[in-house]
Amino acid sequence: MYKKAGAEVRVILTGAASKFISPLTFEAISSNEVLTSKTESWANDNNHIDIGKWADIFVIAPATANTINKLSNGIADNLLTQTALAYKDVKLIAPAANTAMYKNPTTQASLKMLQLINYEVIKPSTKLLACGDEGEGALAEVENIFYKTAQVLNRDAFWINRRVIVTGGGTIEKIDDVRYISNFSSGKMAKALSTALYLKGADVCLITTKKLDDLVEGIYQIDVESTTQLHEYLVDAIRVSKKGIMTKATLTDDSIPELIQKKPYLFMAAAVSDYKPRYPQSGKLKKEMIGDVWNLELEKNVDILSSINKEDIFTVGFKAEMDKNSGKESAKSMLQNKSLDAVALNYVSEHSFGSDKNAITLFTKDLEVDLKEALKLDISLELLETLSKNGK
């Protein structure tokens, strides 16, 4: 995944690791010479000192219990531990060990120590292990390791420890137990925004009608269906977000928690149904009961953005329009009439629901910024950068 994302990768292989996979395999994948005890050279930077100077981030995966305990005690008896000892920046460590070895008090103490000395731990998975035991200790999913690496490289002081709520998808309004009213919203923009916020270091809560099994681990997801459910969970999430985040300056048990109080954000990307059936039914309505013509009575839904308490939370509304001539005026009207801090306008006539790309015009009281067509993740990152640069 690193290579596909455009990163340059270099691999350090211990003697033990070489028993499982050959250096040639990693050389083919990385397109770089692998650092081993046989290839270490002081005529170039393929050595345990210079390779650390070259790297932007150091990922140790998998990290055995033996390696974890060596690192915490400063033991440098192989190329991996020597390089780690010499590397000055953040190091990511992804444990992989038998459950008993991983949960051994010595290993756990070592992991706590490593977090005090510029290591960040990627929590292992719970599954059937190679030894036949089932429990915590399996290497984290490759996607989680990749996104954690990307987060460390992309974290922004503006967004770190800031609570952010994102809503997404089209709400579902029940007609009966088998039919409903909804819209074509795919939830992709909300997913992209949540991912971008995670990469920037925010504490993200995604409230969505589209259940996502491939969401980045570390993003808290709440699944809803109707506008009423979305409204209820959103009100509660806003209440929690205003409490700030308790962190510890250190990870020792006697450290004093510190309250990080940053203004929370709400990105209201969900496509909320304007109307809902007035009399939703239980069971299934039979067409024989309905007849040839069905006059379905609807009533106006709650206007979530107008009704929620937006005090002390920066609120960004999303506006989807078809007509370019009236779109901008509609977005400006929404900004004022619903007392929002910003509105993100896009034209579904150019980027239909479900598209992987988008283009947005961002409106605030002081700004009008065009974010050109790009993948939704790239657009989301640019949107966050624009808001943070302008202190929004």
Protein backbone atom coordinates (compact mmCIF):
# COMPACT_ATOMS: atom_id res chain seq x y z
CA MET A 1 0.00 0.00 0.00
CA TYR A 2 2.89 2.37 0.66
CA LYS A 3 4.20 1.94 -2.88
CA LYS A 4 0.74 2.35 -4.40
CA ALA A 5 0.35 5.59 -2.48
CA GLY A 6 3.57 6.91 -4.01
CA ALA A 7 5.89 6.39 -1.05
CA GLU A 8 9.49 5.27 -1.37
CA VAL A 9 10.05 2.25 0.85
CA ARG A 10 13.19 0.67 2.23
CA VAL A 11 13.21 -2.55 4.22
CA ILE A 12 15.35 -3.71 7.13
CA LEU A 13 15.34 -7.49 7.49
CA THR A 14 16.53 -9.28 10.61
CA GLY A 15 18.12 -12.72 10.47
CA ALA A 16 14.99 -14.26 11.98
CA ALA A 17 12.74 -12.58 9.40
CA SER A 18 14.97 -13.88 6.59
CA LYS A 19 13.98 -17.42 7.58
CA PHE A 20 10.39 -16.65 6.58
CA ILE A 21 10.89 -14.49 3.48
CA SER A 22 13.90 -13.75 1.30
CA PRO A 23 15.44 -10.27 0.86
CA LEU A 24 14.93 -10.65 -2.90
CA THR A 25 11.15 -10.58 -2.44
CA PHE A 26 11.28 -7.24 -0.62
CA GLU A 27 13.75 -5.83 -3.13
CA ALA A 28 11.32 -6.66 -5.93
CA ILE A 29 8.41 -5.05 -4.07
CA SER A 30 10.23 -1.96 -2.82
CA SER A 31 12.59 -1.44 -5.79
CA ASN A 32 15.33 -0.77 -3.23
CA GLU A 33 18.13 -2.84 -1.79
CA VAL A 34 17.16 -4.49 1.48
CA LEU A 35 19.30 -3.75 4.53
CA THR A 36 20.58 -6.99 6.08
CA SER A 37 23.73 -7.95 7.96
CA LYS A 38 25.15 -9.10 4.61
CA THR A 39 24.28 -5.97 2.60
CA GLU A 40 25.09 -3.25 5.14
CA SER A 41 27.52 -0.82 3.57
CA TRP A 42 29.30 2.34 4.72
CA ALA A 43 30.10 3.32 1.14
CA ASN A 44 26.48 4.48 0.71
CA ASP A 45 23.44 5.07 2.97
CA ASN A 46 22.48 1.40 3.23
CA ASN A 47 23.49 1.19 6.89
CA HIS A 48 21.71 1.47 10.23
CA ILE A 49 22.67 5.13 10.74
CA ASP A 50 22.11 6.72 7.33
CA ILE A 51 18.92 4.85 6.48
CA GLY A 52 17.33 6.48 9.53
CA LYS A 53 18.43 9.93 8.33
CA TRP A 54 16.82 9.18 4.96
CA ALA A 55 13.43 8.08 6.32
CA ASP A 56 10.47 10.32 7.16
CA ILE A 57 8.94 7.62 9.35
CA PHE A 58 10.05 4.26 10.74
CA VAL A 59 7.50 1.42 10.91
CA ILE A 60 8.32 -1.79 12.76
CA ALA A 61 5.88 -4.45 11.58
CA PRO A 62 5.58 -7.11 12.74
CA ALA A 63 7.23 -6.45 16.09
CA THR A 64 7.73 -9.61 18.14
CA ALA A 65 7.62 -9.68 21.93
CA ASN A 66 11.39 -10.16 21.84
CA THR A 67 11.89 -7.02 19.74
CA ILE A 68 9.47 -4.98 21.87
CA ASN A 69 11.30 -5.86 25.07
CA LYS A 70 14.71 -5.22 23.49
CA LEU A 71 13.67 -1.79 22.22
CA SER A 72 12.30 -0.67 25.59
CA ASN A 73 15.63 -1.53 27.23
CA GLY A 74 17.84 0.05 24.56
CA ILE A 75 19.30 -3.27 23.45
CA ALA A 76 20.75 -2.98 19.94
CA ASP A 77 22.03 -6.42 18.98
CA ASN A 78 20.70 -6.55 15.40
CA LEU A 79 20.22 -4.11 12.51
CA LEU A 80 16.58 -3.41 13.35
CA THR A 81 17.17 -2.47 16.97
CA GLN A 82 20.35 -0.56 16.05
CA THR A 83 18.46 1.51 13.49
CA ALA A 84 15.61 2.16 15.95
CA LEU A 85 18.09 3.33 18.59
CA ALA A 86 19.62 5.79 16.12
CA TYR A 87 16.33 7.03 14.63
CA LYS A 88 15.22 10.35 16.16
CA ASP A 89 11.68 10.84 14.87
CA VAL A 90 8.37 9.07 15.56
CA LYS A 91 8.47 5.29 15.27
CA LEU A 92 5.38 3.15 14.72
CA ILE A 93 5.37 -0.32 16.21
CA ALA A 94 2.86 -3.03 15.30
CA PRO A 95 3.06 -5.93 17.79
CA ALA A 96 2.54 -9.52 16.64
CA ALA A 97 2.89 -12.23 19.25
CA ASN A 98 1.17 -15.11 21.01
CA THR A 99 -1.56 -13.72 23.29
CA ALA A 100 0.21 -14.81 26.48
CA MET A 101 3.49 -13.28 25.32
CA TYR A 102 1.79 -10.06 24.23
CA LYS A 103 -0.16 -9.70 27.49
CA ASN A 104 2.80 -10.69 29.66
CA PRO A 105 3.39 -7.89 32.20
CA THR A 106 6.95 -7.44 30.94
CA THR A 107 5.78 -6.88 27.36
CA GLN A 108 2.99 -4.55 28.45
CA ALA A 109 5.42 -2.54 30.58
CA SER A 110 7.77 -2.34 27.61
CA LEU A 111 4.99 -1.01 25.37
CA LYS A 112 4.15 1.68 27.94
CA MET A 113 7.82 2.63 28.13
CA LEU A 114 8.09 2.84 24.33
CA GLN A 115 5.13 5.24 24.20
CA LEU A 116 7.08 7.56 26.48
CA ILE A 117 10.08 7.63 24.13
CA ASN A 118 8.63 8.59 20.76
CA TYR A 119 6.97 5.30 19.76
CA GLU A 120 3.32 4.96 18.79
CA VAL A 121 1.73 1.53 19.13
CA ILE A 122 -0.68 0.13 16.54
CA LYS A 123 -3.01 -2.13 18.50
CA PRO A 124 -2.93 -5.79 17.39
CA SER A 125 -6.00 -7.71 16.21
CA THR A 126 -7.89 -10.41 18.04
CA LYS A 127 -8.17 -13.57 15.93
CA LEU A 128 -6.89 -17.13 15.47
CA LEU A 129 -3.11 -16.94 15.74
CA ALA A 130 -0.52 -18.96 13.82
CA CYS A 131 0.18 -21.00 16.95
CA GLY A 132 -3.44 -22.16 17.08
CA ASP A 133 -4.47 -20.01 20.05
CA GLU A 134 -7.22 -17.45 19.65
CA GLY A 135 -6.83 -14.04 21.22
CA GLU A 136 -5.24 -10.62 21.03
CA GLY A 137 -1.82 -10.46 19.45
CA ALA A 138 -2.26 -10.85 15.69
CA LEU A 139 -0.66 -8.21 13.49
CA ALA A 140 -3.04 -5.32 12.82
CA GLU A 141 -4.69 -5.23 9.41
CA VAL A 142 -2.40 -3.86 6.71
CA GLU A 143 -4.87 -1.03 5.99
CA ASN A 144 -4.78 0.10 9.64
CA ILE A 145 -0.97 0.16 9.62
CA PHE A 146 -1.00 2.16 6.39
CA TYR A 147 -3.54 4.73 7.60
CA LYS A 148 -1.80 5.14 10.97
CA THR A 149 1.45 5.81 9.10
CA ALA A 150 -0.31 8.33 6.89
CA GLN A 151 -1.84 9.97 9.95
CA VAL A 152 1.53 10.50 11.63
CA LEU A 153 2.86 12.09 8.43
CA ASN A 154 -0.21 14.32 7.89
CA ARG A 155 -1.18 15.42 11.39
CA ASP A 156 -2.02 19.09 11.69
CA ALA A 157 -1.79 20.99 14.98
CA PHE A 158 -5.09 22.71 14.20
CA TRP A 159 -7.00 19.41 14.06
CA ILE A 160 -5.13 17.27 16.61
CA ASN A 161 -7.31 16.56 19.67
CA ARG A 162 -10.24 18.41 18.10
CA ARG A 163 -13.59 16.62 18.23
CA VAL A 164 -15.36 16.54 14.88
CA ILE A 165 -18.77 15.15 13.90
CA VAL A 166 -19.53 14.17 10.31
CA THR A 167 -22.95 13.11 9.04
CA GLY A 168 -23.42 11.24 5.78
CA GLY A 169 -25.69 9.26 3.50
CA GLY A 170 -29.36 9.76 2.64
CA THR A 171 -31.89 9.36 5.41
CA ILE A 172 -34.52 6.63 5.09
CA GLU A 173 -38.16 7.40 5.89
CA LYS A 174 -40.31 4.32 6.42
CA ILE A 175 -43.56 3.84 4.47
CA ASP A 176 -44.08 0.32 5.78
CA ASP A 177 -41.75 -2.51 6.80
CA VAL A 178 -40.61 -3.13 3.22
CA ARG A 179 -40.80 0.32 1.55
CA TYR A 180 -39.24 3.68 2.26
CA ILE A 181 -38.49 7.15 0.87
CA SER A 182 -34.85 8.12 0.44
CA ASN A 183 -32.45 9.76 -2.02
CA PHE A 184 -29.36 8.88 -4.06
CA SER A 185 -26.72 10.08 -1.59
CA SER A 186 -23.92 7.48 -1.44
CA GLY A 187 -22.22 8.66 1.76
CA LYS A 188 -18.84 8.74 -0.07
CA MET A 189 -18.19 12.41 0.70
CA ALA A 190 -18.80 11.85 4.40
CA LYS A 191 -16.48 8.84 4.38
CA ALA A 192 -13.78 10.87 2.59
CA LEU A 193 -14.18 13.75 5.06
CA SER A 194 -13.95 11.39 8.03
CA THR A 195 -10.80 9.79 6.60
CA ALA A 196 -9.22 13.19 5.92
CA LEU A 197 -10.02 14.34 9.46
CA TYR A 198 -8.50 11.15 10.88
CA LEU A 199 -5.34 11.77 8.84
CA LYS A 200 -5.18 15.30 10.24
CA GLY A 201 -5.37 13.94 13.78
CA ALA A 202 -8.95 14.82 14.72
CA ASP A 203 -11.19 12.76 17.01
CA VAL A 204 -13.88 11.78 14.48
CA CYS A 205 -17.46 10.59 14.97
CA LEU A 206 -19.28 9.63 11.76
CA ILE A 207 -23.08 9.38 11.92
CA THR A 208 -24.17 7.69 8.72
CA THR A 209 -27.01 5.88 7.01
CA LYS A 210 -24.46 3.88 4.99
CA LYS A 211 -22.90 1.19 7.17
CA LEU A 212 -19.19 1.10 6.29
CA ASP A 213 -17.21 -2.07 6.95
CA ASP A 214 -14.01 -0.59 5.47
CA LEU A 215 -13.89 2.59 7.54
CA VAL A 216 -10.49 3.42 9.00
CA GLU A 217 -10.05 1.98 12.47
CA GLY A 218 -10.04 4.89 14.88
CA ILE A 219 -13.11 6.61 13.42
CA TYR A 220 -16.16 6.11 15.64
CA GLN A 221 -19.19 5.16 13.53
CA ILE A 222 -22.86 5.45 14.48
CA ASP A 223 -25.35 3.82 12.11
CA VAL A 224 -28.76 5.44 11.70
CA GLU A 225 -31.64 5.27 9.23
CA SER A 226 -34.25 7.99 9.67
CA THR A 227 -33.98 11.74 10.07
CA THR A 228 -35.36 11.38 13.60
CA GLN A 229 -32.58 8.95 14.54
CA LEU A 230 -29.94 11.16 12.94
CA HIS A 231 -31.26 14.16 14.84
CA GLU A 232 -31.24 12.34 18.19
CA TYR A 233 -27.73 10.95 17.84
CA LEU A 234 -26.41 14.24 16.50
CA VAL A 235 -27.73 16.23 19.47
CA ASP A 236 -26.06 13.77 21.83
CA ALA A 237 -22.79 13.80 19.85
CA ILE A 238 -22.70 17.62 19.92
CA ARG A 239 -23.21 17.56 23.69
CA VAL A 240 -20.30 15.15 24.14
CA SER A 241 -18.05 17.01 21.70
CA LYS A 242 -18.27 20.22 23.71
CA LYS A 243 -16.73 18.53 26.76
CA GLY A 244 -13.23 18.51 25.23
CA ILE A 245 -10.72 15.67 25.35
CA MET A 246 -8.87 14.40 28.40
CA THR A 247 -5.27 13.49 27.66
CA LYS A 248 -2.22 12.67 29.73
CA ALA A 249 1.09 14.44 29.40
CA THR A 250 2.70 11.07 30.05
CA LEU A 251 1.42 7.51 30.20
CA THR A 252 2.46 6.80 33.77
CA ASP A 253 -0.33 5.91 36.15
CA ASP A 254 0.35 8.96 38.36
CA SER A 255 0.30 11.49 35.50
CA ILE A 256 -2.24 14.29 35.72
CA PRO A 257 -4.85 14.32 32.94
CA GLU A 258 -5.02 17.51 30.91
CA LEU A 259 -8.25 18.80 29.37
CA ILE A 260 -7.76 19.76 25.72
CA GLN A 261 -10.55 22.21 24.89
CA LYS A 262 -10.74 23.02 21.19
CA LYS A 263 -13.86 24.23 19.44
CA PRO A 264 -15.58 21.17 17.94
CA TYR A 265 -16.67 20.99 14.29
CA LEU A 266 -19.75 19.61 12.56
CA PHE A 267 -19.73 18.71 8.86
CA MET A 268 -23.38 18.15 7.92
CA ALA A 269 -22.86 16.14 4.71
CA ALA A 270 -25.93 13.92 5.13
CA ALA A 271 -28.73 14.32 2.60
CA VAL A 272 -31.72 14.67 4.91
CA SER A 273 -35.19 13.91 3.52
CA ASP A 274 -37.30 17.05 3.41
CA TYR A 275 -40.51 15.05 3.82
CA LYS A 276 -41.57 11.79 5.44
CA PRO A 277 -44.73 9.65 5.34
CA ARG A 278 -47.29 11.00 7.77
CA TYR A 279 -48.60 7.54 8.69
CA PRO A 280 -45.85 4.87 8.46
CA GLN A 281 -47.34 1.39 8.65
CA SER A 282 -46.33 -1.85 10.32
CA GLY A 283 -46.08 -4.93 8.12
CA LYS A 284 -46.47 -4.73 4.33
CA LEU A 285 -49.17 -2.73 2.61
CA LYS A 286 -50.82 -4.95 0.00
CA LYS A 287 -51.43 -3.44 -3.43
CA GLU A 288 -54.92 -4.93 -3.32
CA MET A 289 -55.59 -2.67 -0.32
CA ILE A 290 -54.11 0.39 -2.03
CA GLY A 291 -55.79 0.18 -5.43
CA ASP A 292 -54.67 1.57 -8.80
CA VAL A 293 -53.67 4.98 -7.45
CA TRP A 294 -51.68 5.56 -4.25
CA ASN A 295 -51.89 8.99 -2.70
CA LEU A 296 -49.09 8.84 -0.16
CA GLU A 297 -49.51 11.61 2.38
CA LEU A 298 -46.26 13.29 3.42
CA GLU A 299 -45.37 15.82 6.09
CA LYS A 300 -42.40 18.11 6.44
CA ASN A 301 -39.41 16.63 8.26
CA VAL A 302 -37.44 18.32 11.00
CA ASP A 303 -34.86 20.79 9.66
CA ILE A 304 -31.85 19.50 11.59
CA LEU A 305 -29.45 22.33 10.77
CA SER A 306 -31.96 24.97 11.83
CA SER A 307 -33.08 23.19 14.99
CA ILE A 308 -29.81 22.06 16.61
CA ASN A 309 -27.91 24.21 19.09
CA LYS A 310 -24.89 25.47 17.13
CA GLU A 311 -23.45 27.55 19.94
CA ASP A 312 -19.74 26.79 20.50
CA ILE A 313 -19.50 24.42 17.53
CA PHE A 314 -18.25 25.39 14.07
CA THR A 315 -20.90 24.14 11.65
CA VAL A 316 -20.39 23.42 7.96
CA GLY A 317 -23.48 22.74 5.88
CA PHE A 318 -23.44 20.98 2.51
CA LYS A 319 -25.56 22.17 -0.38
CA ALA A 320 -26.19 20.10 -3.52
CA GLU A 321 -27.59 22.06 -6.45
CA MET A 322 -28.43 21.36 -10.07
CA ASP A 323 -28.59 24.91 -11.41
CA LYS A 324 -25.36 26.93 -11.51
CA ASN A 325 -27.25 30.17 -12.00
CA SER A 326 -29.04 29.94 -8.66
CA GLY A 327 -26.62 27.66 -6.77
CA LYS A 328 -24.37 30.33 -5.28
CA GLU A 329 -27.25 32.48 -4.09
CA SER A 330 -28.90 29.43 -2.57
CA ALA A 331 -25.69 28.55 -0.68
CA LYS A 332 -25.29 32.14 0.59
CA SER A 333 -28.91 32.15 1.70
CA MET A 334 -28.37 28.85 3.55
CA LEU A 335 -25.31 30.31 5.28
CA GLN A 336 -27.31 33.20 6.65
CA ASN A 337 -30.76 31.72 7.23
CA LYS A 338 -29.48 28.67 9.13
CA SER A 339 -26.78 30.58 11.05
CA LEU A 340 -23.95 28.43 9.73
CA ASP A 341 -20.23 29.13 9.81
CA ALA A 342 -19.62 27.73 6.34
CA VAL A 343 -21.38 26.09 3.40
CA ALA A 344 -19.82 23.65 0.92
CA LEU A 345 -21.61 23.88 -2.43
CA ASN A 346 -21.41 21.24 -5.15
CA TYR A 347 -23.33 20.68 -8.37
CA VAL A 348 -24.80 17.19 -8.76
CA SER A 349 -25.37 17.97 -12.43
CA GLU A 350 -21.58 17.73 -12.83
CA HIS A 351 -20.76 15.14 -10.17
CA SER A 352 -23.63 12.74 -9.71
CA PHE A 353 -24.36 10.89 -6.49
CA GLY A 354 -21.93 8.01 -6.04
CA SER A 355 -19.12 9.70 -7.98
CA ASP A 356 -15.57 9.30 -6.66
CA LYS A 357 -14.78 12.91 -7.55
CA ASN A 358 -16.21 16.24 -6.51
CA ALA A 359 -15.71 19.98 -6.83
CA ILE A 360 -16.72 22.37 -4.07
CA THR A 361 -17.16 26.07 -3.57
CA LEU A 362 -16.68 26.95 0.10
CA PHE A 363 -18.56 29.94 1.47
CA THR A 364 -18.05 31.67 4.82
CA LYS A 365 -18.95 35.21 5.82
CA ASP A 366 -15.54 36.35 4.59
CA LEU A 367 -14.51 33.76 1.99
CA GLU A 368 -15.55 32.25 -1.31
CA VAL A 369 -13.05 29.58 -2.34
CA ASP A 370 -13.30 27.25 -5.33
CA LEU A 371 -11.86 23.78 -4.74
CA LYS A 372 -11.29 22.30 -8.18
CA GLU A 373 -12.39 18.81 -9.24
CA ALA A 374 -10.46 16.03 -7.52
CA LEU A 375 -10.98 12.74 -5.75
CA LYS A 376 -13.24 13.22 -2.73
CA LEU A 377 -10.43 12.44 -0.29
CA ASP A 378 -8.20 15.06 -1.93
CA ILE A 379 -11.05 17.58 -1.94
CA SER A 380 -11.66 16.85 1.75
CA LEU A 381 -8.00 17.40 2.63
CA GLU A 382 -8.01 20.69 0.71
CA LEU A 383 -11.22 21.75 2.46
CA LEU A 384 -9.69 21.09 5.89
CA GLU A 385 -6.52 22.92 4.90
CA THR A 386 -8.55 25.94 3.78
CA LEU A 387 -10.53 26.04 7.04
CA SER A 388 -7.45 25.66 9.24
CA LYS A 389 -5.42 28.28 7.33
CA ASN A 390 -8.19 30.81 7.78
CA GLY A 391 -8.61 29.97 11.44
CA LYS A 392 -12.07 28.60 10.80
